[in-house]
Amino acid sequence: MSAPFTTEDTHQMTWAEFDSLINTLIAKVSYLDGNSQINVIAPLLRTGGIVGSVLSIKMKIVTMLPVQFKYSYHPTTINQILSIPDILHGAPQQLNVLLCEGNTNSGSIATKAAQVIKEKFPEAKIYLATLTKVFGGPEKLDGIDAIFFGKMTDENKIANEKQKEDFDIRGGITIFPWENSADELSDINAATS
């Protein structure tokens, strides 16, 4: 895809679809073996905050470990905004962390988040739960033991018609239910210009 993008390039997600994808993520994560049961949710703020909070409630996982990074453009940098907090009460012996993100494209921020979590908790196993994953994006990320996604999108417009059908790929730029397409397009167009 090339900028500038317009609202015709977007695909708004409904709350019903969001809930369905959350349930898909929970079902996929439940396949982890007993030694890898998730005991910490790490929402990757901002969008991952909503995904992580809902997963925390539905999966009945109390311990939260929020992380936050921000892309800056021209030149492109990833800056850490929020340091990794201490777990003050009831820290599990083995941390099995579910890093939560709204959308994963290159995975660069998730990789940075995993790196800083590992710096603080070197023995932690880290899994990524992303509501949507861009088709053609990475299948593996450094420092992340497994990637779980609710649905693939074709935001990079590289899937052919058969792939779109076979993988039930979501078209367009995903706009989450809590997002406004004008605001998101402004940010996306600034990044790609």
C-alpha atoms as a PDB file:
ATOM      1  CA  MET A   1       0.000   0.000   0.000  1.00  0.00           C
ATOM      2  CA  SER A   2       1.185   3.503  -0.618  1.00  0.00           C
ATOM      3  CA  ALA A   3       0.186   6.778   0.989  1.00  0.00           C
ATOM      4  CA  PRO A   4      -1.889   8.823   1.127  1.00  0.00           C
ATOM      5  CA  PHE A   5      -4.568   6.458   2.379  1.00  0.00           C
ATOM      6  CA  THR A   6      -8.241   7.378   2.564  1.00  0.00           C
ATOM      7  CA  THR A   7     -11.246   5.987   4.423  1.00  0.00           C
ATOM      8  CA  GLU A   8     -11.853   3.705   1.424  1.00  0.00           C
ATOM      9  CA  ASP A   9      -8.640   1.907   2.429  1.00  0.00           C
ATOM     10  CA  THR A  10      -9.968   1.166   5.927  1.00  0.00           C
ATOM     11  CA  HIS A  11     -12.094  -1.622   7.351  1.00  0.00           C
ATOM     12  CA  GLN A  12     -13.799  -0.829  10.670  1.00  0.00           C
ATOM     13  CA  MET A  13     -13.953  -3.701  13.159  1.00  0.00           C
ATOM     14  CA  THR A  14     -17.155  -4.121  15.161  1.00  0.00           C
ATOM     15  CA  TRP A  15     -17.268  -4.915  18.872  1.00  0.00           C
ATOM     16  CA  ALA A  16     -18.831  -8.293  17.983  1.00  0.00           C
ATOM     17  CA  GLU A  17     -15.859  -9.121  15.739  1.00  0.00           C
ATOM     18  CA  PHE A  18     -13.466  -7.913  18.465  1.00  0.00           C
ATOM     19  CA  ASP A  19     -15.108 -10.260  20.989  1.00  0.00           C
ATOM     20  CA  SER A  20     -14.973 -13.158  18.528  1.00  0.00           C
ATOM     21  CA  LEU A  21     -11.244 -12.578  17.909  1.00  0.00           C
ATOM     22  CA  ILE A  22     -10.585 -12.375  21.668  1.00  0.00           C
ATOM     23  CA  ASN A  23     -12.258 -15.785  22.042  1.00  0.00           C
ATOM     24  CA  THR A  24     -10.129 -17.121  19.164  1.00  0.00           C
ATOM     25  CA  LEU A  25      -6.986 -15.909  20.952  1.00  0.00           C
ATOM     26  CA  ILE A  26      -8.057 -17.557  24.211  1.00  0.00           C
ATOM     27  CA  ALA A  27      -8.692 -20.849  22.412  1.00  0.00           C
ATOM     28  CA  LYS A  28      -5.269 -20.721  20.742  1.00  0.00           C
ATOM     29  CA  VAL A  29      -3.425 -19.816  23.967  1.00  0.00           C
ATOM     30  CA  SER A  30      -5.202 -22.635  25.818  1.00  0.00           C
ATOM     31  CA  TYR A  31      -3.177 -25.142  23.764  1.00  0.00           C
ATOM     32  CA  LEU A  32      -0.031 -24.300  25.754  1.00  0.00           C
ATOM     33  CA  ASP A  33       1.091 -27.183  27.941  1.00  0.00           C
ATOM     34  CA  GLY A  34       0.591 -27.108  31.714  1.00  0.00           C
ATOM     35  CA  ASN A  35       4.142 -25.877  32.359  1.00  0.00           C
ATOM     36  CA  SER A  36       3.551 -22.863  30.144  1.00  0.00           C
ATOM     37  CA  GLN A  37       0.192 -21.693  31.446  1.00  0.00           C
ATOM     38  CA  ILE A  38      -0.004 -17.912  31.224  1.00  0.00           C
ATOM     39  CA  ASN A  39       0.221 -16.212  34.617  1.00  0.00           C
ATOM     40  CA  VAL A  40       1.068 -12.613  33.642  1.00  0.00           C
ATOM     41  CA  ILE A  41      -0.570 -10.334  31.065  1.00  0.00           C
ATOM     42  CA  ALA A  42       1.701  -7.659  29.545  1.00  0.00           C
ATOM     43  CA  PRO A  43      -0.436  -5.212  27.580  1.00  0.00           C
ATOM     44  CA  LEU A  44       1.601  -3.363  24.965  1.00  0.00           C
ATOM     45  CA  LEU A  45       0.125   0.083  25.428  1.00  0.00           C
ATOM     46  CA  ARG A  46      -1.933   1.729  23.866  1.00  0.00           C
ATOM     47  CA  THR A  47      -4.027  -0.612  21.706  1.00  0.00           C
ATOM     48  CA  GLY A  48      -2.693  -3.698  23.474  1.00  0.00           C
ATOM     49  CA  GLY A  49      -4.055  -2.220  26.694  1.00  0.00           C
ATOM     50  CA  ILE A  50      -7.609  -2.925  25.590  1.00  0.00           C
ATOM     51  CA  VAL A  51      -6.754  -6.363  24.202  1.00  0.00           C
ATOM     52  CA  GLY A  52      -4.725  -7.255  27.318  1.00  0.00           C
ATOM     53  CA  SER A  53      -7.367  -6.009  29.744  1.00  0.00           C
ATOM     54  CA  VAL A  54     -10.121  -8.041  28.117  1.00  0.00           C
ATOM     55  CA  LEU A  55      -7.884 -11.144  27.960  1.00  0.00           C
ATOM     56  CA  SER A  56      -6.975 -10.637  31.625  1.00  0.00           C
ATOM     57  CA  ILE A  57     -10.634 -10.551  32.626  1.00  0.00           C
ATOM     58  CA  LYS A  58     -11.743 -13.461  30.449  1.00  0.00           C
ATOM     59  CA  MET A  59      -8.716 -15.621  31.314  1.00  0.00           C
ATOM     60  CA  LYS A  60      -8.939 -14.691  35.031  1.00  0.00           C
ATOM     61  CA  ILE A  61      -5.304 -13.580  35.168  1.00  0.00           C
ATOM     62  CA  VAL A  62      -4.781 -10.852  37.750  1.00  0.00           C
ATOM     63  CA  THR A  63      -1.102  -9.896  37.359  1.00  0.00           C
ATOM     64  CA  MET A  64      -0.506  -7.193  34.749  1.00  0.00           C
ATOM     65  CA  LEU A  65       2.895  -5.995  33.510  1.00  0.00           C
ATOM     66  CA  PRO A  66       2.260  -3.024  31.182  1.00  0.00           C
ATOM     67  CA  VAL A  67       4.880  -1.916  28.652  1.00  0.00           C
ATOM     68  CA  GLN A  68       4.811   1.077  26.332  1.00  0.00           C
ATOM     69  CA  PHE A  69       6.807   2.156  23.294  1.00  0.00           C
ATOM     70  CA  LYS A  70       6.258   4.805  20.645  1.00  0.00           C
ATOM     71  CA  TYR A  71       7.361   4.926  17.041  1.00  0.00           C
ATOM     72  CA  SER A  72       8.919   8.205  15.944  1.00  0.00           C
ATOM     73  CA  TYR A  73       9.401   8.909  12.255  1.00  0.00           C
ATOM     74  CA  HIS A  74      12.011  10.709  10.163  1.00  0.00           C
ATOM     75  CA  PRO A  75      14.242   9.050  11.328  1.00  0.00           C
ATOM     76  CA  THR A  76      12.384   5.952  12.478  1.00  0.00           C
ATOM     77  CA  THR A  77      13.072   5.126  16.108  1.00  0.00           C
ATOM     78  CA  ILE A  78      11.304   3.110  18.786  1.00  0.00           C
ATOM     79  CA  ASN A  79      11.318   4.844  22.156  1.00  0.00           C
ATOM     80  CA  GLN A  80      10.371   3.248  25.458  1.00  0.00           C
ATOM     81  CA  ILE A  81       7.773   5.374  27.260  1.00  0.00           C
ATOM     82  CA  LEU A  82       7.047   3.288  30.366  1.00  0.00           C
ATOM     83  CA  SER A  83       9.597   1.286  32.335  1.00  0.00           C
ATOM     84  CA  ILE A  84       8.835  -2.308  33.310  1.00  0.00           C
ATOM     85  CA  PRO A  85       7.240  -2.214  36.780  1.00  0.00           C
ATOM     86  CA  ASP A  86       8.058  -4.530  39.651  1.00  0.00           C
ATOM     87  CA  ILE A  87       5.572  -7.238  40.516  1.00  0.00           C
ATOM     88  CA  LEU A  88       4.992  -6.442  44.172  1.00  0.00           C
ATOM     89  CA  HIS A  89       2.679  -9.224  45.275  1.00  0.00           C
ATOM     90  CA  GLY A  90       2.205 -12.836  44.261  1.00  0.00           C
ATOM     91  CA  ALA A  91       4.869 -13.021  41.566  1.00  0.00           C
ATOM     92  CA  PRO A  92       4.831 -16.512  40.047  1.00  0.00           C
ATOM     93  CA  GLN A  93       8.001 -18.601  40.317  1.00  0.00           C
ATOM     94  CA  GLN A  94       8.075 -19.037  36.530  1.00  0.00           C
ATOM     95  CA  LEU A  95       6.771 -16.035  34.619  1.00  0.00           C
ATOM     96  CA  ASN A  96       4.778 -17.075  31.557  1.00  0.00           C
ATOM     97  CA  VAL A  97       3.977 -13.706  30.035  1.00  0.00           C
ATOM     98  CA  LEU A  98       1.299 -13.028  27.426  1.00  0.00           C
ATOM     99  CA  LEU A  99       2.385  -9.857  25.628  1.00  0.00           C
ATOM    100  CA  CYS A 100      -0.774  -8.351  24.107  1.00  0.00           C
ATOM    101  CA  GLU A 101      -0.937  -6.178  21.010  1.00  0.00           C
ATOM    102  CA  GLY A 102      -3.740  -4.892  18.779  1.00  0.00           C
ATOM    103  CA  ASN A 103      -2.036  -5.356  15.407  1.00  0.00           C
ATOM    104  CA  THR A 104       1.323  -6.856  14.477  1.00  0.00           C
ATOM    105  CA  ASN A 105       2.991  -5.926  11.213  1.00  0.00           C
ATOM    106  CA  SER A 106       6.784  -6.098  11.443  1.00  0.00           C
ATOM    107  CA  GLY A 107       6.800  -7.107  15.110  1.00  0.00           C
ATOM    108  CA  SER A 108       9.522  -4.572  15.920  1.00  0.00           C
ATOM    109  CA  ILE A 109       7.759  -3.101  18.956  1.00  0.00           C
ATOM    110  CA  ALA A 110       6.773  -6.539  20.285  1.00  0.00           C
ATOM    111  CA  THR A 111      10.417  -7.622  19.924  1.00  0.00           C
ATOM    112  CA  LYS A 112      11.598  -4.546  21.878  1.00  0.00           C
ATOM    113  CA  ALA A 113       8.983  -5.215  24.547  1.00  0.00           C
ATOM    114  CA  ALA A 114      10.113  -8.833  24.885  1.00  0.00           C
ATOM    115  CA  GLN A 115      13.712  -7.653  25.171  1.00  0.00           C
ATOM    116  CA  VAL A 116      13.004  -5.275  28.071  1.00  0.00           C
ATOM    117  CA  ILE A 117      10.821  -7.837  29.860  1.00  0.00           C
ATOM    118  CA  LYS A 118      13.663 -10.387  29.551  1.00  0.00           C
ATOM    119  CA  GLU A 119      16.144  -7.816  30.913  1.00  0.00           C
ATOM    120  CA  LYS A 120      14.054  -7.535  34.082  1.00  0.00           C
ATOM    121  CA  PHE A 121      12.865 -11.177  34.199  1.00  0.00           C
ATOM    122  CA  PRO A 122      15.540 -13.250  32.373  1.00  0.00           C
ATOM    123  CA  GLU A 123      13.817 -16.613  32.927  1.00  0.00           C
ATOM    124  CA  ALA A 124      10.415 -15.464  31.640  1.00  0.00           C
ATOM    125  CA  LYS A 125       8.755 -17.198  28.719  1.00  0.00           C
ATOM    126  CA  ILE A 126       7.064 -14.643  26.509  1.00  0.00           C
ATOM    127  CA  TYR A 127       4.169 -15.295  24.149  1.00  0.00           C
ATOM    128  CA  LEU A 128       2.549 -12.722  21.858  1.00  0.00           C
ATOM    129  CA  ALA A 129      -1.229 -12.470  21.529  1.00  0.00           C
ATOM    130  CA  THR A 130      -2.165 -10.040  18.776  1.00  0.00           C
ATOM    131  CA  LEU A 131      -5.740  -9.388  17.748  1.00  0.00           C
ATOM    132  CA  THR A 132      -4.702  -9.029  14.099  1.00  0.00           C
ATOM    133  CA  LYS A 133      -1.495  -9.986  12.301  1.00  0.00           C
ATOM    134  CA  VAL A 134      -0.600  -8.588   8.903  1.00  0.00           C
ATOM    135  CA  PHE A 135      -0.353 -11.298   6.234  1.00  0.00           C
ATOM    136  CA  GLY A 136       3.265 -11.799   5.210  1.00  0.00           C
ATOM    137  CA  GLY A 137       4.536 -10.583   8.562  1.00  0.00           C
ATOM    138  CA  PRO A 138       6.957 -12.604  10.657  1.00  0.00           C
ATOM    139  CA  GLU A 139       6.057 -16.071  11.904  1.00  0.00           C
ATOM    140  CA  LYS A 140       8.726 -15.861  14.633  1.00  0.00           C
ATOM    141  CA  LEU A 141      10.112 -12.955  16.632  1.00  0.00           C
ATOM    142  CA  ASP A 142      13.308 -12.767  18.689  1.00  0.00           C
ATOM    143  CA  GLY A 143      12.641 -13.328  22.380  1.00  0.00           C
ATOM    144  CA  ILE A 144       9.056 -14.516  21.819  1.00  0.00           C
ATOM    145  CA  ASP A 145       8.291 -18.216  22.284  1.00  0.00           C
ATOM    146  CA  ALA A 146       5.112 -18.267  20.154  1.00  0.00           C
ATOM    147  CA  ILE A 147       2.774 -15.894  18.319  1.00  0.00           C
ATOM    148  CA  PHE A 148      -1.010 -16.228  18.566  1.00  0.00           C
ATOM    149  CA  PHE A 149      -3.300 -14.102  16.418  1.00  0.00           C
ATOM    150  CA  GLY A 150      -7.047 -13.710  16.050  1.00  0.00           C
ATOM    151  CA  LYS A 151      -7.114 -12.970  12.325  1.00  0.00           C
ATOM    152  CA  MET A 152      -4.789 -12.006   9.500  1.00  0.00           C
ATOM    153  CA  THR A 153      -5.204  -8.792   7.558  1.00  0.00           C
ATOM    154  CA  ASP A 154      -4.035  -7.758   4.112  1.00  0.00           C
ATOM    155  CA  GLU A 155      -2.909  -4.264   5.068  1.00  0.00           C
ATOM    156  CA  ASN A 156       0.220  -4.659   2.926  1.00  0.00           C
ATOM    157  CA  LYS A 157      -1.907  -5.810  -0.051  1.00  0.00           C
ATOM    158  CA  ILE A 158       0.250  -8.832  -0.863  1.00  0.00           C
ATOM    159  CA  ALA A 159      -2.272 -11.676  -0.511  1.00  0.00           C
ATOM    160  CA  ASN A 160      -3.685 -13.128  -3.701  1.00  0.00           C
ATOM    161  CA  GLU A 161      -7.375 -14.043  -4.008  1.00  0.00           C
ATOM    162  CA  LYS A 162      -6.790 -17.713  -3.114  1.00  0.00           C
ATOM    163  CA  GLN A 163      -4.805 -16.762   0.000  1.00  0.00           C
ATOM    164  CA  LYS A 164      -7.498 -14.287   1.035  1.00  0.00           C
ATOM    165  CA  GLU A 165     -10.087 -17.044   0.796  1.00  0.00           C
ATOM    166  CA  ASP A 166      -7.953 -19.873   2.274  1.00  0.00           C
ATOM    167  CA  PHE A 167      -6.871 -17.840   5.295  1.00  0.00           C
ATOM    168  CA  ASP A 168     -10.061 -15.754   5.679  1.00  0.00           C
ATOM    169  CA  ILE A 169      -7.952 -12.594   5.486  1.00  0.00           C
ATOM    170  CA  ARG A 170      -9.466  -9.301   6.590  1.00  0.00           C
ATOM    171  CA  GLY A 171      -9.129  -6.625   3.890  1.00  0.00           C
ATOM    172  CA  GLY A 172      -8.057  -3.010   4.233  1.00  0.00           C
ATOM    173  CA  ILE A 173      -6.453  -1.174   7.124  1.00  0.00           C
ATOM    174  CA  THR A 174      -8.062  -2.415  10.319  1.00  0.00           C
ATOM    175  CA  ILE A 175      -9.671   0.275  12.432  1.00  0.00           C
ATOM    176  CA  PHE A 176     -10.509  -1.123  15.875  1.00  0.00           C
ATOM    177  CA  PRO A 177     -13.930  -0.378  17.434  1.00  0.00           C
ATOM    178  CA  TRP A 178     -12.476   2.233  19.795  1.00  0.00           C
ATOM    179  CA  GLU A 179     -10.552   3.996  17.009  1.00  0.00           C
ATOM    180  CA  ASN A 180     -11.469   6.797  14.648  1.00  0.00           C
ATOM    181  CA  SER A 181     -10.398   6.263  11.022  1.00  0.00           C
ATOM    182  CA  ALA A 182      -9.447   9.933  10.477  1.00  0.00           C
ATOM    183  CA  ASP A 183      -7.041   9.885  13.435  1.00  0.00           C
ATOM    184  CA  GLU A 184      -5.554   6.539  12.428  1.00  0.00           C
ATOM    185  CA  LEU A 185      -5.141   7.584   8.790  1.00  0.00           C
ATOM    186  CA  SER A 186      -3.414  10.793   9.866  1.00  0.00           C
ATOM    187  CA  ASP A 187      -0.872   8.754  11.839  1.00  0.00           C
ATOM    188  CA  ILE A 188      -0.438   6.111   9.100  1.00  0.00           C
ATOM    189  CA  ASN A 189      -0.024   8.708   6.350  1.00  0.00           C
ATOM    190  CA  ALA A 190       2.559  10.602   8.425  1.00  0.00           C
ATOM    191  CA  ALA A 191       4.519   7.375   8.893  1.00  0.00           C
ATOM    192  CA  THR A 192       4.542   6.449   5.220  1.00  0.00           C
ATOM    193  CA  SER A 193       5.344   9.861   3.772  1.00  0.00           C
END
